[in-house]
Amino acid sequence: MVNESRCFLVMPCAGSGLRAGGDVAKQYQMLQGLPLVVRSLQSLSRVPSVKNAVLVVSPEDRKAQELMQAYNCASWFDHFSVLAQGGATRMESVLAGVRSLAGLGAQEHDWVLVHDAARCLVQARWVEQLIREVGDDAVGGILAWPLSDTLKQARPCNPGLSAQAVPNERIVATVPRRHKWLAQTPQMFRLGALRQALERALQEMLRADAAQEADLEPQVTDEASALEAMGLSPLLVQASALNIKITYAEDFVLAQALLGVLGEV
C-alpha cells in the first residue's frame, strides 16, 4: 500500500522560537549559509517519494515567502505552497496543513510526513528508512532515538514561583530508561487517521481552556501522542542522535559542528 499511496510533507513553521535568541524566529536564522527552514526543506526534497509539500506559517509572517522565492524552494517539489494559517500551537498549525492537503487531491489513505522546520540536520536516508520500515503498518510511525542518559524526575525548589524564576529543581526519583525513546521527526501517519486524531486533540484542548485547565501540561505534544490518545501505538524507527532540533542558542554551535560529521556517517 505504501507504494500505491502518496507521501505529502507538512512542515509547521509558525513558532516564534524565542528560546533560540536572535533577531528573527529560529527557523529563519542561518546555519552555514542557509536558513534552517530552507535546509530542512532541501533535505526532505531529496526523498524520492516526497513530491508535495506544504509549509505552514503564521498569518503575520512576511519572511517565509521571501525566503522561499529567494532559494527557489518550489522547484524542489512537484507541488509546494506556503499556507499562512498557522495557529498558536504546533498542533493547530499541523492540522491546518493536513486539512489543506485535500485541495491537492490527497486521499484518506495517503501518507503525511510531519517534520519540524528546526530539525534541520535530517538526512534523506533516515526518512527513506522511516518510509520503508513503516511500510503498510496499520498505525504509522516516527523517527526516534533510544534514551541513553540517566533520566530524573524532579520537583521545583519553590513550588510557589514560576519555572522561569527558579531554574533549579530537586530530584525526586530516577526513572528507568529501558524502553524510553526521544521522539524526533518526521512522523508518518495516514492522512485520515492523523486529521481525526488532531481534531480530537484540538477539541480536548479547547475544553481544557474553557474549564481553566490551561496550566496543565499538554498531553498532545506531537502527532504520535495524538494517535496514542486514540488508543493506537505508533512504530518507533531508530534514526540518529544527530537528528537534533534547534531549540536553544547553544544548539546552533552543535549543529554547525555536526554538519561536517554528517558527510562521514
C-alpha atoms as a PDB file:
ATOM      1  CA  MET A   1       0.000   0.000   0.000  1.00  0.00           C
ATOM      2  CA  VAL A   2       2.862   2.405   0.712  1.00  0.00           C
ATOM      3  CA  ASN A   3       3.811   2.181  -2.970  1.00  0.00           C
ATOM      4  CA  GLU A   4       0.230   2.921  -4.025  1.00  0.00           C
ATOM      5  CA  SER A   5      -0.172   5.810  -1.589  1.00  0.00           C
ATOM      6  CA  ARG A   6       1.469   9.183  -1.991  1.00  0.00           C
ATOM      7  CA  CYS A   7       3.580  10.928   0.648  1.00  0.00           C
ATOM      8  CA  PHE A   8       2.752  14.540   1.485  1.00  0.00           C
ATOM      9  CA  LEU A   9       5.030  16.727   3.588  1.00  0.00           C
ATOM     10  CA  VAL A  10       3.611  19.167   6.140  1.00  0.00           C
ATOM     11  CA  MET A  11       6.179  21.395   7.832  1.00  0.00           C
ATOM     12  CA  PRO A  12       4.936  23.575  10.727  1.00  0.00           C
ATOM     13  CA  CYS A  13       6.846  26.848  10.777  1.00  0.00           C
ATOM     14  CA  ALA A  14       4.649  29.244  12.750  1.00  0.00           C
ATOM     15  CA  GLY A  15       6.548  29.369  16.052  1.00  0.00           C
ATOM     16  CA  SER A  16       8.474  32.342  17.359  1.00  0.00           C
ATOM     17  CA  GLY A  17      11.492  30.310  18.538  1.00  0.00           C
ATOM     18  CA  LEU A  18      12.249  32.757  21.347  1.00  0.00           C
ATOM     19  CA  ARG A  19      14.439  30.341  23.313  1.00  0.00           C
ATOM     20  CA  ALA A  20      16.983  30.301  20.492  1.00  0.00           C
ATOM     21  CA  GLY A  21      17.563  34.049  20.714  1.00  0.00           C
ATOM     22  CA  GLY A  22      18.376  36.176  17.679  1.00  0.00           C
ATOM     23  CA  ASP A  23      16.556  38.964  15.878  1.00  0.00           C
ATOM     24  CA  VAL A  24      14.322  36.650  13.841  1.00  0.00           C
ATOM     25  CA  ALA A  25      12.500  33.393  14.561  1.00  0.00           C
ATOM     26  CA  LYS A  26      14.917  30.471  14.823  1.00  0.00           C
ATOM     27  CA  GLN A  27      13.586  28.771  11.679  1.00  0.00           C
ATOM     28  CA  TYR A  28      14.799  31.762   9.647  1.00  0.00           C
ATOM     29  CA  GLN A  29      18.226  32.048  11.245  1.00  0.00           C
ATOM     30  CA  MET A  30      21.230  30.988   9.204  1.00  0.00           C
ATOM     31  CA  LEU A  31      23.254  27.819   9.545  1.00  0.00           C
ATOM     32  CA  GLN A  32      26.261  27.583   7.268  1.00  0.00           C
ATOM     33  CA  GLY A  33      24.736  29.820   4.614  1.00  0.00           C
ATOM     34  CA  LEU A  34      21.145  28.531   4.663  1.00  0.00           C
ATOM     35  CA  PRO A  35      18.129  29.392   6.850  1.00  0.00           C
ATOM     36  CA  LEU A  36      17.082  26.417   8.980  1.00  0.00           C
ATOM     37  CA  VAL A  37      13.730  26.023   7.224  1.00  0.00           C
ATOM     38  CA  VAL A  38      15.350  26.054   3.790  1.00  0.00           C
ATOM     39  CA  ARG A  39      17.880  23.448   4.893  1.00  0.00           C
ATOM     40  CA  SER A  40      15.051  21.244   6.210  1.00  0.00           C
ATOM     41  CA  LEU A  41      13.011  21.540   3.018  1.00  0.00           C
ATOM     42  CA  GLN A  42      16.053  20.809   0.902  1.00  0.00           C
ATOM     43  CA  SER A  43      16.751  17.587   2.807  1.00  0.00           C
ATOM     44  CA  LEU A  44      13.156  16.341   2.536  1.00  0.00           C
ATOM     45  CA  SER A  45      13.058  17.189  -1.169  1.00  0.00           C
ATOM     46  CA  ARG A  46      15.795  14.584  -1.696  1.00  0.00           C
ATOM     47  CA  VAL A  47      13.398  11.809  -0.627  1.00  0.00           C
ATOM     48  CA  PRO A  48      12.078  10.424  -3.946  1.00  0.00           C
ATOM     49  CA  SER A  49       8.539   9.696  -2.705  1.00  0.00           C
ATOM     50  CA  VAL A  50       8.026  13.167  -1.197  1.00  0.00           C
ATOM     51  CA  LYS A  51       6.748  15.195  -4.128  1.00  0.00           C
ATOM     52  CA  ASN A  52       4.217  17.518  -2.452  1.00  0.00           C
ATOM     53  CA  ALA A  53       4.958  19.886   0.431  1.00  0.00           C
ATOM     54  CA  VAL A  54       3.100  22.489   2.479  1.00  0.00           C
ATOM     55  CA  LEU A  55       4.924  24.958   4.713  1.00  0.00           C
ATOM     56  CA  VAL A  56       2.585  26.287   7.424  1.00  0.00           C
ATOM     57  CA  VAL A  57       3.405  29.775   8.725  1.00  0.00           C
ATOM     58  CA  SER A  58       1.577  32.309  10.865  1.00  0.00           C
ATOM     59  CA  PRO A  59      -0.817  34.770   9.173  1.00  0.00           C
ATOM     60  CA  GLU A  60       1.515  37.640  10.133  1.00  0.00           C
ATOM     61  CA  ASP A  61       4.612  36.010   8.628  1.00  0.00           C
ATOM     62  CA  ARG A  62       6.216  38.078   5.869  1.00  0.00           C
ATOM     63  CA  LYS A  63       9.576  36.320   5.857  1.00  0.00           C
ATOM     64  CA  ALA A  64       8.663  32.847   4.608  1.00  0.00           C
ATOM     65  CA  GLN A  65       7.510  33.766   1.110  1.00  0.00           C
ATOM     66  CA  GLU A  66      10.547  35.969   0.630  1.00  0.00           C
ATOM     67  CA  LEU A  67      12.913  33.135   1.553  1.00  0.00           C
ATOM     68  CA  MET A  68      11.060  30.512  -0.466  1.00  0.00           C
ATOM     69  CA  GLN A  69      11.364  32.673  -3.561  1.00  0.00           C
ATOM     70  CA  ALA A  70      14.986  33.618  -2.864  1.00  0.00           C
ATOM     71  CA  TYR A  71      16.043  29.959  -2.679  1.00  0.00           C
ATOM     72  CA  ASN A  72      13.551  28.728  -5.313  1.00  0.00           C
ATOM     73  CA  CYS A  73      12.199  26.089  -2.924  1.00  0.00           C
ATOM     74  CA  ALA A  74       9.124  25.458  -5.075  1.00  0.00           C
ATOM     75  CA  SER A  75      11.351  23.929  -7.753  1.00  0.00           C
ATOM     76  CA  TRP A  76      12.267  21.081  -5.394  1.00  0.00           C
ATOM     77  CA  PHE A  77       8.773  19.558  -5.369  1.00  0.00           C
ATOM     78  CA  ASP A  78       6.009  18.782  -7.853  1.00  0.00           C
ATOM     79  CA  HIS A  79       3.815  20.997  -5.715  1.00  0.00           C
ATOM     80  CA  PHE A  80       4.890  23.412  -2.992  1.00  0.00           C
ATOM     81  CA  SER A  81       2.845  26.017  -1.142  1.00  0.00           C
ATOM     82  CA  VAL A  82       3.154  28.338   1.822  1.00  0.00           C
ATOM     83  CA  LEU A  83      -0.001  28.222   3.939  1.00  0.00           C
ATOM     84  CA  ALA A  84      -0.434  31.304   6.157  1.00  0.00           C
ATOM     85  CA  GLN A  85      -2.859  29.608   8.536  1.00  0.00           C
ATOM     86  CA  GLY A  86      -0.548  28.597  11.368  1.00  0.00           C
ATOM     87  CA  GLY A  87      -2.060  28.611  14.839  1.00  0.00           C
ATOM     88  CA  ALA A  88      -0.986  29.440  18.361  1.00  0.00           C
ATOM     89  CA  THR A  89       0.179  25.862  18.905  1.00  0.00           C
ATOM     90  CA  ARG A  90       2.139  23.403  16.800  1.00  0.00           C
ATOM     91  CA  MET A  91      -0.883  21.094  16.762  1.00  0.00           C
ATOM     92  CA  GLU A  92      -3.107  23.775  15.227  1.00  0.00           C
ATOM     93  CA  SER A  93      -0.516  24.538  12.548  1.00  0.00           C
ATOM     94  CA  VAL A  94      -0.113  20.874  11.624  1.00  0.00           C
ATOM     95  CA  LEU A  95      -3.893  20.417  11.493  1.00  0.00           C
ATOM     96  CA  ALA A  96      -4.217  23.404   9.142  1.00  0.00           C
ATOM     97  CA  GLY A  97      -1.598  21.866   6.878  1.00  0.00           C
ATOM     98  CA  VAL A  98      -3.241  18.437   6.955  1.00  0.00           C
ATOM     99  CA  ARG A  99      -6.652  19.894   6.136  1.00  0.00           C
ATOM    100  CA  SER A 100      -5.181  21.779   3.176  1.00  0.00           C
ATOM    101  CA  LEU A 101      -3.956  18.559   1.546  1.00  0.00           C
ATOM    102  CA  ALA A 102      -7.447  17.736   0.285  1.00  0.00           C
ATOM    103  CA  GLY A 103      -7.015  20.629  -2.131  1.00  0.00           C
ATOM    104  CA  LEU A 104      -4.003  18.827  -3.583  1.00  0.00           C
ATOM    105  CA  GLY A 105      -6.035  15.713  -4.222  1.00  0.00           C
ATOM    106  CA  ALA A 106      -4.738  13.808  -1.184  1.00  0.00           C
ATOM    107  CA  GLN A 107      -6.827  10.809  -0.148  1.00  0.00           C
ATOM    108  CA  GLU A 108      -7.579   9.425   3.305  1.00  0.00           C
ATOM    109  CA  HIS A 109      -5.125   6.544   2.819  1.00  0.00           C
ATOM    110  CA  ASP A 110      -2.237   8.756   1.656  1.00  0.00           C
ATOM    111  CA  TRP A 111       0.695   9.280   3.997  1.00  0.00           C
ATOM    112  CA  VAL A 112       1.535  12.570   5.695  1.00  0.00           C
ATOM    113  CA  LEU A 113       5.086  13.226   6.858  1.00  0.00           C
ATOM    114  CA  VAL A 114       5.207  15.974   9.503  1.00  0.00           C
ATOM    115  CA  HIS A 115       8.638  17.475  10.057  1.00  0.00           C
ATOM    116  CA  ASP A 116       9.787  20.337  12.269  1.00  0.00           C
ATOM    117  CA  ALA A 117      11.439  23.180  10.359  1.00  0.00           C
ATOM    118  CA  ALA A 118      14.050  23.492  13.128  1.00  0.00           C
ATOM    119  CA  ARG A 119      15.164  19.838  12.848  1.00  0.00           C
ATOM    120  CA  CYS A 120      17.403  20.919  10.000  1.00  0.00           C
ATOM    121  CA  LEU A 121      20.058  18.173  10.070  1.00  0.00           C
ATOM    122  CA  VAL A 122      17.634  15.458   8.975  1.00  0.00           C
ATOM    123  CA  GLN A 123      19.048  13.245   6.240  1.00  0.00           C
ATOM    124  CA  ALA A 124      17.100  11.809   3.322  1.00  0.00           C
ATOM    125  CA  ARG A 125      18.355   8.307   4.122  1.00  0.00           C
ATOM    126  CA  TRP A 126      16.753   8.436   7.577  1.00  0.00           C
ATOM    127  CA  VAL A 127      13.418   9.466   6.080  1.00  0.00           C
ATOM    128  CA  GLU A 128      13.655   6.729   3.453  1.00  0.00           C
ATOM    129  CA  GLN A 129      14.285   4.261   6.278  1.00  0.00           C
ATOM    130  CA  LEU A 130      11.157   5.508   8.071  1.00  0.00           C
ATOM    131  CA  ILE A 131       9.042   5.096   4.937  1.00  0.00           C
ATOM    132  CA  ARG A 132      10.481   1.653   4.285  1.00  0.00           C
ATOM    133  CA  GLU A 133      10.043   0.329   7.830  1.00  0.00           C
ATOM    134  CA  VAL A 134       6.575   1.765   8.335  1.00  0.00           C
ATOM    135  CA  GLY A 135       5.658   0.086   5.054  1.00  0.00           C
ATOM    136  CA  ASP A 136       1.998  -0.898   5.324  1.00  0.00           C
ATOM    137  CA  ASP A 137       1.748  -0.514   9.099  1.00  0.00           C
ATOM    138  CA  ALA A 138      -1.805  -0.022  10.289  1.00  0.00           C
ATOM    139  CA  VAL A 139      -0.863   2.944  12.510  1.00  0.00           C
ATOM    140  CA  GLY A 140       2.283   4.631  11.150  1.00  0.00           C
ATOM    141  CA  GLY A 141       5.479   5.572  12.909  1.00  0.00           C
ATOM    142  CA  ILE A 142       8.096   8.130  13.837  1.00  0.00           C
ATOM    143  CA  LEU A 143      11.848   8.561  13.796  1.00  0.00           C
ATOM    144  CA  ALA A 144      13.253   8.328  17.305  1.00  0.00           C
ATOM    145  CA  TRP A 145      16.404   7.653  19.321  1.00  0.00           C
ATOM    146  CA  PRO A 146      16.753   5.400  22.384  1.00  0.00           C
ATOM    147  CA  LEU A 147      17.376   7.315  25.592  1.00  0.00           C
ATOM    148  CA  SER A 148      20.954   6.824  26.794  1.00  0.00           C
ATOM    149  CA  ASP A 149      21.254   9.319  29.666  1.00  0.00           C
ATOM    150  CA  THR A 150      20.040   8.672  33.201  1.00  0.00           C
ATOM    151  CA  LEU A 151      16.537  10.136  33.474  1.00  0.00           C
ATOM    152  CA  LYS A 152      15.497  12.073  36.590  1.00  0.00           C
ATOM    153  CA  GLN A 153      12.050  13.032  37.841  1.00  0.00           C
ATOM    154  CA  ALA A 154      12.146  16.431  39.555  1.00  0.00           C
ATOM    155  CA  ARG A 155      10.126  18.950  41.509  1.00  0.00           C
ATOM    156  CA  PRO A 156      10.521  22.747  41.735  1.00  0.00           C
ATOM    157  CA  CYS A 157      12.675  24.027  44.577  1.00  0.00           C
ATOM    158  CA  ASN A 158       9.955  26.564  45.329  1.00  0.00           C
ATOM    159  CA  PRO A 159       6.538  25.477  44.008  1.00  0.00           C
ATOM    160  CA  GLY A 160       5.200  28.972  44.580  1.00  0.00           C
ATOM    161  CA  LEU A 161       7.411  30.509  41.895  1.00  0.00           C
ATOM    162  CA  SER A 162       7.410  30.010  38.154  1.00  0.00           C
ATOM    163  CA  ALA A 163       9.879  27.725  36.409  1.00  0.00           C
ATOM    164  CA  GLN A 164      11.397  30.811  34.760  1.00  0.00           C
ATOM    165  CA  ALA A 165      12.132  32.362  38.143  1.00  0.00           C
ATOM    166  CA  VAL A 166      13.552  29.155  39.651  1.00  0.00           C
ATOM    167  CA  PRO A 167      15.608  27.273  37.024  1.00  0.00           C
ATOM    168  CA  ASN A 168      16.870  24.698  39.518  1.00  0.00           C
ATOM    169  CA  GLU A 169      14.786  21.719  40.614  1.00  0.00           C
ATOM    170  CA  ARG A 170      15.367  18.829  43.007  1.00  0.00           C
ATOM    171  CA  ILE A 171      15.436  15.143  42.109  1.00  0.00           C
ATOM    172  CA  VAL A 172      12.585  13.068  43.471  1.00  0.00           C
ATOM    173  CA  ALA A 173      13.211   9.845  41.532  1.00  0.00           C
ATOM    174  CA  THR A 174      15.372   8.142  38.924  1.00  0.00           C
ATOM    175  CA  VAL A 175      13.216   6.845  36.077  1.00  0.00           C
ATOM    176  CA  PRO A 176      14.261   3.559  34.412  1.00  0.00           C
ATOM    177  CA  ARG A 177      15.451   4.384  30.903  1.00  0.00           C
ATOM    178  CA  ARG A 178      14.736   0.979  29.358  1.00  0.00           C
ATOM    179  CA  HIS A 179      12.140   1.293  26.583  1.00  0.00           C
ATOM    180  CA  LYS A 180      12.388   5.117  26.732  1.00  0.00           C
ATOM    181  CA  TRP A 181      12.883   6.937  23.431  1.00  0.00           C
ATOM    182  CA  LEU A 182      13.407  10.543  22.324  1.00  0.00           C
ATOM    183  CA  ALA A 183      10.808  11.400  19.708  1.00  0.00           C
ATOM    184  CA  GLN A 184      12.060  13.016  16.508  1.00  0.00           C
ATOM    185  CA  THR A 185      10.558  13.967  13.159  1.00  0.00           C
ATOM    186  CA  PRO A 186       9.434  13.221  10.517  1.00  0.00           C
ATOM    187  CA  GLN A 187       6.391  11.474  11.930  1.00  0.00           C
ATOM    188  CA  MET A 188       4.403   9.492   9.364  1.00  0.00           C
ATOM    189  CA  PHE A 189       0.676   8.725   9.500  1.00  0.00           C
ATOM    190  CA  ARG A 190      -2.280   8.187   7.182  1.00  0.00           C
ATOM    191  CA  LEU A 191      -3.998  11.464   6.351  1.00  0.00           C
ATOM    192  CA  GLY A 192      -7.432  10.384   7.565  1.00  0.00           C
ATOM    193  CA  ALA A 193      -6.244   8.994  10.881  1.00  0.00           C
ATOM    194  CA  LEU A 194      -3.949  11.943  11.541  1.00  0.00           C
ATOM    195  CA  ARG A 195      -6.628  14.535  10.833  1.00  0.00           C
ATOM    196  CA  GLN A 196      -9.093  12.726  13.088  1.00  0.00           C
ATOM    197  CA  ALA A 197      -6.549  12.466  15.900  1.00  0.00           C
ATOM    198  CA  LEU A 198      -5.551  16.140  15.684  1.00  0.00           C
ATOM    199  CA  GLU A 199      -9.159  17.345  15.525  1.00  0.00           C
ATOM    200  CA  ARG A 200      -9.953  15.274  18.592  1.00  0.00           C
ATOM    201  CA  ALA A 201      -6.910  16.668  20.414  1.00  0.00           C
ATOM    202  CA  LEU A 202      -7.856  20.234  19.455  1.00  0.00           C
ATOM    203  CA  GLN A 203     -11.352  19.800  20.872  1.00  0.00           C
ATOM    204  CA  GLU A 204      -9.872  18.442  24.091  1.00  0.00           C
ATOM    205  CA  MET A 205      -7.509  21.415  24.311  1.00  0.00           C
ATOM    206  CA  LEU A 206     -10.394  23.858  23.828  1.00  0.00           C
ATOM    207  CA  ARG A 207     -12.390  22.030  26.509  1.00  0.00           C
ATOM    208  CA  ALA A 208      -9.454  22.306  28.923  1.00  0.00           C
ATOM    209  CA  ASP A 209      -9.103  26.013  28.157  1.00  0.00           C
ATOM    210  CA  ALA A 210     -12.812  26.571  28.791  1.00  0.00           C
ATOM    211  CA  ALA A 211     -12.504  24.726  32.103  1.00  0.00           C
ATOM    212  CA  GLN A 212      -9.493  26.905  33.002  1.00  0.00           C
ATOM    213  CA  GLU A 213      -7.158  23.936  32.969  1.00  0.00           C
ATOM    214  CA  ALA A 214      -4.680  25.605  30.610  1.00  0.00           C
ATOM    215  CA  ASP A 215      -1.922  25.444  33.242  1.00  0.00           C
ATOM    216  CA  LEU A 216      -1.909  21.661  32.996  1.00  0.00           C
ATOM    217  CA  GLU A 217       0.869  20.106  30.936  1.00  0.00           C
ATOM    218  CA  PRO A 218      -0.460  19.339  27.436  1.00  0.00           C
ATOM    219  CA  GLN A 219      -0.978  15.664  26.695  1.00  0.00           C
ATOM    220  CA  VAL A 220      -0.542  16.057  22.932  1.00  0.00           C
ATOM    221  CA  THR A 221       2.881  17.461  22.059  1.00  0.00           C
ATOM    222  CA  ASP A 222       3.428  15.736  18.716  1.00  0.00           C
ATOM    223  CA  GLU A 223       1.461  13.788  16.128  1.00  0.00           C
ATOM    224  CA  ALA A 224       2.280  10.430  17.711  1.00  0.00           C
ATOM    225  CA  SER A 225       0.780  11.481  21.043  1.00  0.00           C
ATOM    226  CA  ALA A 226      -2.427  12.490  19.250  1.00  0.00           C
ATOM    227  CA  LEU A 227      -2.657   8.972  17.802  1.00  0.00           C
ATOM    228  CA  GLU A 228      -1.775   7.496  21.203  1.00  0.00           C
ATOM    229  CA  ALA A 229      -4.704   9.384  22.756  1.00  0.00           C
ATOM    230  CA  MET A 230      -6.939   7.353  20.435  1.00  0.00           C
ATOM    231  CA  GLY A 231      -5.521   4.119  21.798  1.00  0.00           C
ATOM    232  CA  LEU A 232      -3.077   3.492  18.931  1.00  0.00           C
ATOM    233  CA  SER A 233       0.614   2.549  19.189  1.00  0.00           C
ATOM    234  CA  PRO A 234       2.849   4.109  16.519  1.00  0.00           C
ATOM    235  CA  LEU A 235       6.027   2.363  15.417  1.00  0.00           C
ATOM    236  CA  LEU A 236       9.415   3.629  16.622  1.00  0.00           C
ATOM    237  CA  VAL A 237      12.060   3.692  13.887  1.00  0.00           C
ATOM    238  CA  GLN A 238      15.604   4.319  15.099  1.00  0.00           C
ATOM    239  CA  ALA A 239      17.256   7.190  13.227  1.00  0.00           C
ATOM    240  CA  SER A 240      20.285   9.000  14.615  1.00  0.00           C
ATOM    241  CA  ALA A 241      21.364  11.037  17.631  1.00  0.00           C
ATOM    242  CA  LEU A 242      22.473  13.614  15.044  1.00  0.00           C
ATOM    243  CA  ASN A 243      18.855  14.366  14.107  1.00  0.00           C
ATOM    244  CA  ILE A 244      18.724  17.236  16.595  1.00  0.00           C
ATOM    245  CA  LYS A 245      16.183  20.029  16.845  1.00  0.00           C
ATOM    246  CA  ILE A 246      17.440  23.596  17.207  1.00  0.00           C
ATOM    247  CA  THR A 247      15.860  24.984  20.373  1.00  0.00           C
ATOM    248  CA  TYR A 248      18.484  26.980  22.268  1.00  0.00           C
ATOM    249  CA  ALA A 249      21.279  29.278  21.121  1.00  0.00           C
ATOM    250  CA  GLU A 250      23.853  26.605  22.015  1.00  0.00           C
ATOM    251  CA  ASP A 251      22.203  24.240  19.534  1.00  0.00           C
ATOM    252  CA  PHE A 252      23.459  26.350  16.630  1.00  0.00           C
ATOM    253  CA  VAL A 253      27.042  25.686  17.750  1.00  0.00           C
ATOM    254  CA  LEU A 254      26.345  21.964  17.975  1.00  0.00           C
ATOM    255  CA  ALA A 255      24.583  21.883  14.604  1.00  0.00           C
ATOM    256  CA  GLN A 256      27.481  23.706  12.964  1.00  0.00           C
ATOM    257  CA  ALA A 257      29.883  21.043  14.237  1.00  0.00           C
ATOM    258  CA  LEU A 258      27.585  18.168  13.238  1.00  0.00           C
ATOM    259  CA  LEU A 259      27.260  19.334   9.646  1.00  0.00           C
ATOM    260  CA  GLY A 260      30.804  18.193   8.986  1.00  0.00           C
ATOM    261  CA  VAL A 261      30.215  14.864  10.690  1.00  0.00           C
ATOM    262  CA  LEU A 262      27.087  14.057   8.683  1.00  0.00           C
ATOM    263  CA  GLY A 263      29.057  13.763   5.489  1.00  0.00           C
ATOM    264  CA  GLU A 264      31.110  10.972   7.044  1.00  0.00           C
ATOM    265  CA  VAL A 265      28.378   8.729   8.536  1.00  0.00           C
END
